């Protein structure tokens, strides 16, 4: 089997794992969290929690692609060894997964799904709390989003004198007008923390995932305060970081901060004790701002009408023209693919990038909002493989799988 054919086979295996193995587990997890809301005494919090699961479940479904990473590593390791036995030159150092067997990989898949679903559910729930409850208090948003940082703190070891922050009884609602969720948010935080001990290289990625979560929190605070203040706060915030990201606009930086994909990618990489600091840096640079920015800019692109109706800030609206928007999205796609191609397990990350275009441009909102011209041009430039995956995503949407 040639290298190109092998790449397509690996990509197909990721998609098959997602459809037939991972998504059913994700749906079960989401169902359990929805049931947990039955005990929520505050009707507003209960409704916002339920609606976040009902209408934003595709965020957890999409993020769960990173739960396929352990199985990918096992298959990739087997394929690498086969090529070596066949006498073909192959850089095994680029594939940090030979320490995993299938049973261990399946265990890691389980823990990744547990974390990803819980963490993404926190994100979507808090987004509803910021957007839909009539609260404009930045301090309340800051305190609520402390839960996301606490979710990234491993639980204390037995007998530890100084336990980690973020105990389940932390009052994340202390500045928010609604208070009683029946332990829902604390349970989500605890679920995340309990999974972290199963990832051998988590200490190596902890600093970076906390940094990404802090940027996410800063964004959520600034984009949900009084309408008149939002843009100015976001511009000033970008200017504080502009020296590190001179080639992007302030709204593109903000968009990148709104993605959880970098956190999930780093966490997936931490399943291997062979992960190096150089790997962590390369993954972080690939995902922030490029892959993360592409993710959220596409999300905003298809949500423009919804955001106009709701009076919500939409970053794509700041492009001067549709052509400029398309050109910048294509830049983000190309940069994402280039950087993903340099990562360990590059085929996995390149599949994710292709999948972003395919998933978002298969959404019916593209046609309803007259975005076909942008989608068609980007899909044409992105290549045949992206168009084929888009067709598959359209079929899955028609079957209500996603």
Protein backbone atom coordinates (compact mmCIF):
# COMPACT_ATOMS: atom_id res chain seq x y z
CA UNK A 1 0.00 0.00 0.00
CA UNK A 2 1.51 3.35 -0.99
CA UNK A 3 1.99 6.22 1.40
CA UNK A 4 -0.92 8.20 -0.04
CA UNK A 5 -3.23 5.18 0.08
CA UNK A 6 -2.08 4.52 3.64
CA UNK A 7 -2.87 8.12 4.61
CA UNK A 8 -6.39 7.79 3.25
CA UNK A 9 -6.82 4.49 5.09
CA UNK A 10 -5.74 6.11 8.37
CA UNK A 11 -8.13 9.02 7.79
CA UNK A 12 -10.95 6.61 7.06
CA UNK A 13 -10.21 4.70 10.27
CA UNK A 14 -10.49 7.91 12.32
CA UNK A 15 -13.87 8.68 10.77
CA UNK A 16 -15.08 5.11 11.33
CA UNK A 17 -13.97 5.21 14.97
CA UNK A 18 -15.85 8.46 15.42
CA UNK A 19 -19.09 7.25 13.87
CA UNK A 20 -19.39 3.75 15.22
CA UNK A 21 -17.55 3.81 18.52
CA UNK A 22 -16.96 7.27 19.92
CA UNK A 23 -20.17 9.16 19.11
CA UNK A 24 -22.39 6.56 20.82
CA UNK A 25 -20.27 6.94 23.97
CA UNK A 26 -20.45 10.72 23.73
CA UNK A 27 -24.22 10.60 23.42
CA UNK A 28 -24.44 8.40 26.53
CA UNK A 29 -22.28 10.83 28.48
CA UNK A 30 -24.38 13.80 27.39
CA UNK A 31 -27.52 11.92 28.35
CA UNK A 32 -26.15 11.33 31.84
CA UNK A 33 -25.33 15.01 32.27
CA UNK A 34 -28.79 15.98 31.04
CA UNK A 35 -30.31 13.63 33.63
CA UNK A 36 -28.13 15.20 36.31
CA UNK A 37 -29.93 18.50 35.66
CA UNK A 38 -33.16 16.97 36.98
CA UNK A 39 -31.81 17.74 40.45
CA UNK A 40 -31.14 21.41 39.64
CA UNK A 41 -33.51 23.51 41.82
CA UNK A 42 -33.10 26.80 39.93
CA UNK A 43 -35.40 26.72 36.86
CA UNK A 44 -33.26 29.22 34.92
CA UNK A 45 -30.05 27.25 35.44
CA UNK A 46 -31.87 24.01 34.66
CA UNK A 47 -33.20 25.37 31.37
CA UNK A 48 -29.86 26.91 30.36
CA UNK A 49 -28.10 23.65 31.13
CA UNK A 50 -30.57 21.54 29.20
CA UNK A 51 -30.54 23.86 26.18
CA UNK A 52 -26.74 23.85 26.08
CA UNK A 53 -26.76 20.05 25.79
CA UNK A 54 -29.69 19.95 23.37
CA UNK A 55 -28.54 22.66 20.96
CA UNK A 56 -24.75 22.57 21.34
CA UNK A 57 -24.15 18.83 21.58
CA UNK A 58 -22.25 18.92 18.28
CA UNK A 59 -19.46 20.79 20.10
CA UNK A 60 -18.85 17.78 22.34
CA UNK A 61 -19.33 15.45 19.38
CA UNK A 62 -16.76 17.34 17.32
CA UNK A 63 -14.27 17.71 20.16
CA UNK A 64 -14.46 13.99 20.80
CA UNK A 65 -12.43 13.35 17.63
CA UNK A 66 -9.42 13.66 19.93
CA UNK A 67 -10.64 10.61 21.82
CA UNK A 68 -9.80 8.64 18.65
CA UNK A 69 -6.14 9.58 19.03
CA UNK A 70 -5.04 6.54 21.11
CA UNK A 71 -6.46 4.09 18.56
CA UNK A 72 -4.82 6.12 15.79
CA UNK A 73 -1.45 5.82 17.54
CA UNK A 74 -1.72 2.05 17.81
CA UNK A 75 -2.63 1.67 14.13
CA UNK A 76 0.07 4.13 13.10
CA UNK A 77 2.68 2.27 15.13
CA UNK A 78 1.69 -1.03 13.51
CA UNK A 79 1.82 0.55 10.04
CA UNK A 80 5.22 2.09 10.82
CA UNK A 81 6.66 -1.24 11.90
CA UNK A 82 5.28 -2.88 8.76
CA UNK A 83 6.99 -0.30 6.57
CA UNK A 84 10.25 -0.76 8.46
CA UNK A 85 10.07 -4.52 7.99
CA UNK A 86 9.46 -3.91 4.30
CA UNK A 87 12.73 -1.96 4.18
CA UNK A 88 11.13 1.41 3.55
CA UNK A 89 12.60 4.57 5.03
CA UNK A 90 10.32 5.97 7.69
CA UNK A 91 10.81 8.45 10.50
CA UNK A 92 9.48 6.53 13.49
CA UNK A 93 10.48 9.38 15.82
CA UNK A 94 7.60 11.43 14.43
CA UNK A 95 5.11 8.91 15.84
CA UNK A 96 5.07 8.85 19.62
CA UNK A 97 2.76 5.93 20.18
CA UNK A 98 4.74 2.69 20.15
CA UNK A 99 4.38 2.38 23.94
CA UNK A 100 0.60 1.83 23.63
CA UNK A 101 -1.14 -1.48 23.12
CA UNK A 102 -4.76 -1.75 22.06
CA UNK A 103 -6.15 -2.45 25.55
CA UNK A 104 -4.30 0.53 27.01
CA UNK A 105 -5.42 2.70 24.11
CA UNK A 106 -9.07 1.76 24.66
CA UNK A 107 -8.75 2.72 28.32
CA UNK A 108 -7.32 6.11 27.28
CA UNK A 109 -10.20 6.59 24.83
CA UNK A 110 -12.63 6.12 27.70
CA UNK A 111 -10.92 8.74 29.88
CA UNK A 112 -10.57 11.20 27.00
CA UNK A 113 -14.29 10.97 26.25
CA UNK A 114 -15.12 11.52 29.92
CA UNK A 115 -12.93 14.63 30.03
CA UNK A 116 -13.85 16.11 26.65
CA UNK A 117 -17.61 15.79 27.16
CA UNK A 118 -17.50 17.23 30.68
CA UNK A 119 -15.13 20.08 29.78
CA UNK A 120 -17.03 21.04 26.64
CA UNK A 121 -20.30 20.86 28.57
CA UNK A 122 -18.87 23.35 31.08
CA UNK A 123 -17.91 25.64 28.19
CA UNK A 124 -21.33 25.45 26.50
CA UNK A 125 -23.26 25.79 29.77
CA UNK A 126 -21.30 28.86 30.84
CA UNK A 127 -21.72 30.39 27.40
CA UNK A 128 -25.48 30.14 27.88
CA UNK A 129 -25.19 31.66 31.35
CA UNK A 130 -23.29 34.62 29.87
CA UNK A 131 -25.54 34.98 26.81
CA UNK A 132 -29.06 34.13 27.86
CA UNK A 133 -29.76 35.18 31.47
CA UNK A 134 -29.66 38.97 31.12
CA UNK A 135 -26.49 39.30 33.19
CA UNK A 136 -23.75 41.70 32.05
CA UNK A 137 -21.49 41.47 35.09
CA UNK A 138 -17.91 40.74 34.04
CA UNK A 139 -16.97 39.74 37.58
CA UNK A 140 -19.71 37.09 37.55
CA UNK A 141 -18.42 35.74 34.23
CA UNK A 142 -14.86 35.63 35.59
CA UNK A 143 -15.90 33.67 38.68
CA UNK A 144 -18.03 31.25 36.67
CA UNK A 145 -15.15 30.52 34.30
CA UNK A 146 -12.79 29.77 37.16
CA UNK A 147 -14.46 26.37 36.94
CA UNK A 148 -12.69 25.72 33.63
CA UNK A 149 -9.28 26.37 35.15
CA UNK A 150 -10.13 24.27 38.19
CA UNK A 151 -11.18 21.46 35.84
CA UNK A 152 -7.55 21.35 34.66
CA UNK A 153 -6.14 20.82 38.17
CA UNK A 154 -5.54 17.14 38.96
CA UNK A 155 -7.09 15.99 42.24
CA UNK A 156 -4.76 16.00 45.26
CA UNK A 157 -2.85 12.84 45.97
CA UNK A 158 -3.97 10.95 49.08
CA UNK A 159 -2.43 12.51 52.17
CA UNK A 160 -1.32 15.68 50.37
CA UNK A 161 -0.86 18.58 52.80
CA UNK A 162 -1.78 21.23 50.26
CA UNK A 163 -4.57 20.01 47.97
CA UNK A 164 -5.07 21.57 44.56
CA UNK A 165 -7.52 24.40 44.08
CA UNK A 166 -11.02 23.93 42.78
CA UNK A 167 -12.79 21.77 45.34
CA UNK A 168 -16.22 20.58 44.16
CA UNK A 169 -17.94 22.92 46.64
CA UNK A 170 -16.32 26.07 45.22
CA UNK A 171 -19.02 28.74 44.82
CA UNK A 172 -18.71 29.60 41.15
CA UNK A 173 -22.08 31.40 41.30
CA UNK A 174 -21.14 33.81 44.09
CA UNK A 175 -21.36 36.86 41.77
CA UNK A 176 -24.11 35.51 39.51
CA UNK A 177 -27.83 36.24 40.03
CA UNK A 178 -28.78 32.54 39.94
CA UNK A 179 -27.13 30.30 42.52
CA UNK A 180 -28.46 26.78 43.02
CA UNK A 181 -27.62 24.18 40.38
CA UNK A 182 -27.83 21.09 42.60
CA UNK A 183 -24.09 20.47 42.29
CA UNK A 184 -24.13 20.29 38.48
CA UNK A 185 -21.15 22.54 37.68
CA UNK A 186 -19.10 21.13 40.54
CA UNK A 187 -19.76 17.60 39.30
CA UNK A 188 -18.56 18.53 35.81
CA UNK A 189 -15.36 19.99 37.29
CA UNK A 190 -14.78 16.88 39.39
CA UNK A 191 -15.33 14.62 36.38
CA UNK A 192 -12.63 16.47 34.44
CA UNK A 193 -10.14 16.46 37.30
CA UNK A 194 -10.53 12.75 37.93
CA UNK A 195 -9.53 11.93 34.35
CA UNK A 196 -6.27 13.89 34.42
CA UNK A 197 -4.45 11.30 36.53
CA UNK A 198 -4.76 8.83 33.65
CA UNK A 199 -2.58 10.88 31.28
CA UNK A 200 1.12 10.22 32.02
CA UNK A 201 2.46 13.40 30.42
CA UNK A 202 -0.15 15.77 31.85
CA UNK A 203 2.46 17.64 33.96
CA UNK A 204 4.26 18.48 30.71
CA UNK A 205 1.19 20.10 29.12
CA UNK A 206 -0.43 21.61 32.22
CA UNK A 207 1.07 25.08 31.83
CA UNK A 208 -0.08 25.35 28.22
CA UNK A 209 -3.63 24.11 28.78
CA UNK A 210 -4.05 26.49 31.71
CA UNK A 211 -2.82 29.33 29.50
CA UNK A 212 -5.36 28.45 26.80
CA UNK A 213 -8.15 28.18 29.38
CA UNK A 214 -7.17 31.57 30.81
CA UNK A 215 -7.39 33.14 27.36
CA UNK A 216 -10.80 31.53 26.91
CA UNK A 217 -11.97 33.00 30.20
CA UNK A 218 -10.66 36.47 29.30
CA UNK A 219 -12.55 36.32 26.01
CA UNK A 220 -15.82 35.26 27.60
CA UNK A 221 -15.65 38.10 30.11
CA UNK A 222 -14.89 40.78 27.54
CA UNK A 223 -17.35 39.68 24.86
CA UNK A 224 -20.35 39.44 27.20
CA UNK A 225 -20.26 42.74 29.09
CA UNK A 226 -22.20 45.85 28.01
CA UNK A 227 -22.46 46.06 24.21
CA UNK A 228 -20.87 49.52 24.07
CA UNK A 229 -17.74 48.28 25.87
CA UNK A 230 -17.10 44.96 24.13
CA UNK A 231 -15.16 45.96 21.04
CA UNK A 232 -12.90 48.40 22.85
CA UNK A 233 -12.06 45.86 25.54
CA UNK A 234 -11.26 43.21 22.95
CA UNK A 235 -9.08 45.56 20.89
CA UNK A 236 -7.13 46.65 23.98
CA UNK A 237 -6.74 43.02 25.02
CA UNK A 238 -5.38 42.04 21.62
CA UNK A 239 -2.93 44.94 21.72
CA UNK A 240 -1.48 43.45 24.91
CA UNK A 241 -0.72 40.26 22.96
CA UNK A 242 -0.16 41.67 19.45
CA UNK A 243 3.63 41.36 19.49
CA UNK A 244 3.27 37.59 19.62
CA UNK A 245 0.69 37.44 16.83
CA UNK A 246 1.46 40.28 14.39
CA UNK A 247 -0.04 38.60 11.30
CA UNK A 248 -3.62 38.36 12.57
CA UNK A 249 -6.37 40.87 13.35
CA UNK A 250 -7.80 41.48 16.81
CA UNK A 251 -11.01 39.59 16.04
CA UNK A 252 -9.04 36.64 14.68
CA UNK A 253 -7.05 36.51 17.91
CA UNK A 254 -10.28 36.64 19.89
CA UNK A 255 -11.75 33.85 17.76
CA UNK A 256 -8.73 31.63 18.41
CA UNK A 257 -9.14 32.19 22.15
CA UNK A 258 -12.70 30.86 21.91
CA UNK A 259 -11.73 27.33 20.84
CA UNK A 260 -11.21 24.36 23.14
CA UNK A 261 -9.49 22.28 20.44
CA UNK A 262 -5.98 23.20 21.56
CA UNK A 263 -6.73 21.94 25.06
CA UNK A 264 -8.13 18.68 23.71
CA UNK A 265 -5.20 18.18 21.32
CA UNK A 266 -2.67 18.68 24.11
CA UNK A 267 -4.57 16.40 26.45
CA UNK A 268 -4.71 13.66 23.81
CA UNK A 269 -0.97 13.97 23.27
CA UNK A 270 -0.42 13.52 27.03
CA UNK A 271 -1.54 9.87 26.88
CA UNK A 272 2.01 8.96 25.90
CA UNK A 273 4.92 9.07 28.37
CA UNK A 274 7.16 9.64 25.33
CA UNK A 275 5.77 13.16 24.77
CA UNK A 276 8.52 15.78 24.69
CA UNK A 277 8.52 19.47 25.51
CA UNK A 278 9.29 20.23 21.85
CA UNK A 279 6.16 18.29 20.87
CA UNK A 280 4.08 20.34 23.32
CA UNK A 281 5.42 23.60 21.89
CA UNK A 282 4.78 22.48 18.31
CA UNK A 283 1.20 21.42 19.07
CA UNK A 284 0.51 24.67 20.88
CA UNK A 285 1.87 26.77 18.00
CA UNK A 286 -0.14 24.82 15.44
CA UNK A 287 -3.41 25.12 17.31
CA UNK A 288 -3.02 28.66 18.58
CA UNK A 289 -3.87 30.77 16.73
CA UNK A 290 -4.25 28.82 13.47
CA UNK A 291 -6.33 25.67 13.95
CA UNK A 292 -8.25 27.20 16.85
CA UNK A 293 -8.84 30.38 14.84
CA UNK A 294 -10.06 28.45 11.81
CA UNK A 295 -12.44 26.50 14.05
CA UNK A 296 -14.15 29.51 15.59
CA UNK A 297 -14.11 31.72 12.49
CA UNK A 298 -16.01 28.97 10.65
CA UNK A 299 -18.41 28.76 13.59
CA UNK A 300 -19.03 32.50 13.45
CA UNK A 301 -19.35 32.42 9.66
CA UNK A 302 -22.37 30.12 9.74
CA UNK A 303 -23.90 31.79 12.83
CA UNK A 304 -24.05 35.33 11.46
CA UNK A 305 -27.82 35.50 11.10
CA UNK A 306 -28.42 33.91 14.50
CA UNK A 307 -26.04 36.38 16.14
CA UNK A 308 -27.68 39.33 14.39
CA UNK A 309 -31.05 38.28 15.78
CA UNK A 310 -29.66 37.77 19.27
CA UNK A 311 -27.57 40.93 19.32
CA UNK A 312 -24.42 38.87 19.88
CA UNK A 313 -20.92 39.86 18.83
CA UNK A 314 -19.85 38.05 15.65
CA UNK A 315 -16.18 38.25 14.74
CA UNK A 316 -16.65 37.47 11.04
CA UNK A 317 -18.72 40.65 10.71
CA UNK A 318 -15.54 42.71 11.14
CA UNK A 319 -14.14 41.67 7.75
CA UNK A 320 -14.53 44.47 5.22
CA UNK A 321 -15.90 42.23 2.48
CA UNK A 322 -16.89 38.66 1.67
CA UNK A 323 -13.75 38.33 -0.46
CA UNK A 324 -11.57 39.41 2.44
CA UNK A 325 -13.35 36.96 4.71
CA UNK A 326 -12.81 34.12 2.24
CA UNK A 327 -9.13 35.02 1.76
CA UNK A 328 -8.47 35.10 5.50
CA UNK A 329 -10.27 31.82 6.08
CA UNK A 330 -8.16 30.26 3.34
CA UNK A 331 -5.02 31.65 4.99
CA UNK A 332 -6.04 30.08 8.29
CA UNK A 333 -6.72 26.76 6.54
CA UNK A 334 -3.35 26.74 4.76
CA UNK A 335 -1.43 27.73 7.89
CA UNK A 336 -3.32 25.09 9.85
CA UNK A 337 -2.47 22.38 7.32
CA UNK A 338 1.17 23.46 7.06
CA UNK A 339 1.65 23.44 10.82
CA UNK A 340 -0.31 20.23 11.33
CA UNK A 341 1.92 18.56 8.72
CA UNK A 342 4.95 19.24 10.93
CA UNK A 343 3.47 17.65 14.08
CA UNK A 344 4.03 14.17 15.45
CA UNK A 345 1.13 12.06 14.18
CA UNK A 346 0.61 14.71 11.53
CA UNK A 347 -2.00 12.68 9.64
CA UNK A 348 -4.31 12.79 12.65
CA UNK A 349 -4.10 16.56 13.01
CA UNK A 350 -4.41 17.15 9.26
CA UNK A 351 -7.56 15.02 9.29
CA UNK A 352 -8.96 17.27 12.03
CA UNK A 353 -8.25 20.39 9.97
CA UNK A 354 -9.89 18.96 6.86
CA UNK A 355 -12.80 17.88 9.02
CA UNK A 356 -13.41 21.42 10.23
CA UNK A 357 -14.09 22.68 6.71
CA UNK A 358 -16.14 19.59 5.87
CA UNK A 359 -18.26 19.75 9.02
CA UNK A 360 -19.06 23.45 8.96
CA UNK A 361 -19.68 23.67 5.22
CA UNK A 362 -22.08 20.73 5.40
CA UNK A 363 -24.30 22.71 7.77
CA UNK A 364 -27.68 23.73 6.24
CA UNK A 365 -27.07 27.25 7.56
CA UNK A 366 -24.52 27.75 4.78
CA UNK A 367 -27.19 27.57 2.08
CA UNK A 368 -29.84 29.38 4.14
CA UNK A 369 -27.55 32.39 4.58
CA UNK A 370 -26.31 32.48 0.98
CA UNK A 371 -22.76 31.48 1.90
CA UNK A 372 -22.44 28.92 -0.91
CA UNK A 373 -19.98 31.07 -2.86
CA UNK A 374 -17.56 31.29 0.06
CA UNK A 375 -17.96 27.61 0.89
CA UNK A 376 -17.56 26.43 -2.70
CA UNK A 377 -14.42 28.49 -3.28
CA UNK A 378 -12.79 27.36 -0.04
CA UNK A 379 -13.70 23.72 -0.66
CA UNK A 380 -12.34 23.92 -4.20
CA UNK A 381 -9.06 25.40 -2.99
CA UNK A 382 -8.83 22.92 -0.10
CA UNK A 383 -8.87 19.91 -2.42
CA UNK A 384 -10.79 16.78 -3.31
CA UNK A 385 -10.33 15.01 0.03
CA UNK A 386 -12.04 17.83 1.90
CA UNK A 387 -14.91 17.82 -0.58
CA UNK A 388 -15.37 14.08 -0.15
CA UNK A 389 -15.45 14.40 3.63
CA UNK A 390 -17.93 17.27 3.29
CA UNK A 391 -20.21 14.99 1.26
CA UNK A 392 -19.97 12.37 4.01
CA UNK A 393 -20.81 14.99 6.65
CA UNK A 394 -23.85 16.09 4.64
CA UNK A 395 -25.07 12.49 4.58
CA UNK A 396 -24.55 12.18 8.33
CA UNK A 397 -26.51 15.38 8.93
CA UNK A 398 -29.33 14.08 6.75
CA UNK A 399 -29.37 10.91 8.85
CA UNK A 400 -29.29 13.06 12.02
CA UNK A 401 -26.11 11.41 13.22
CA UNK A 402 -24.58 14.86 13.76
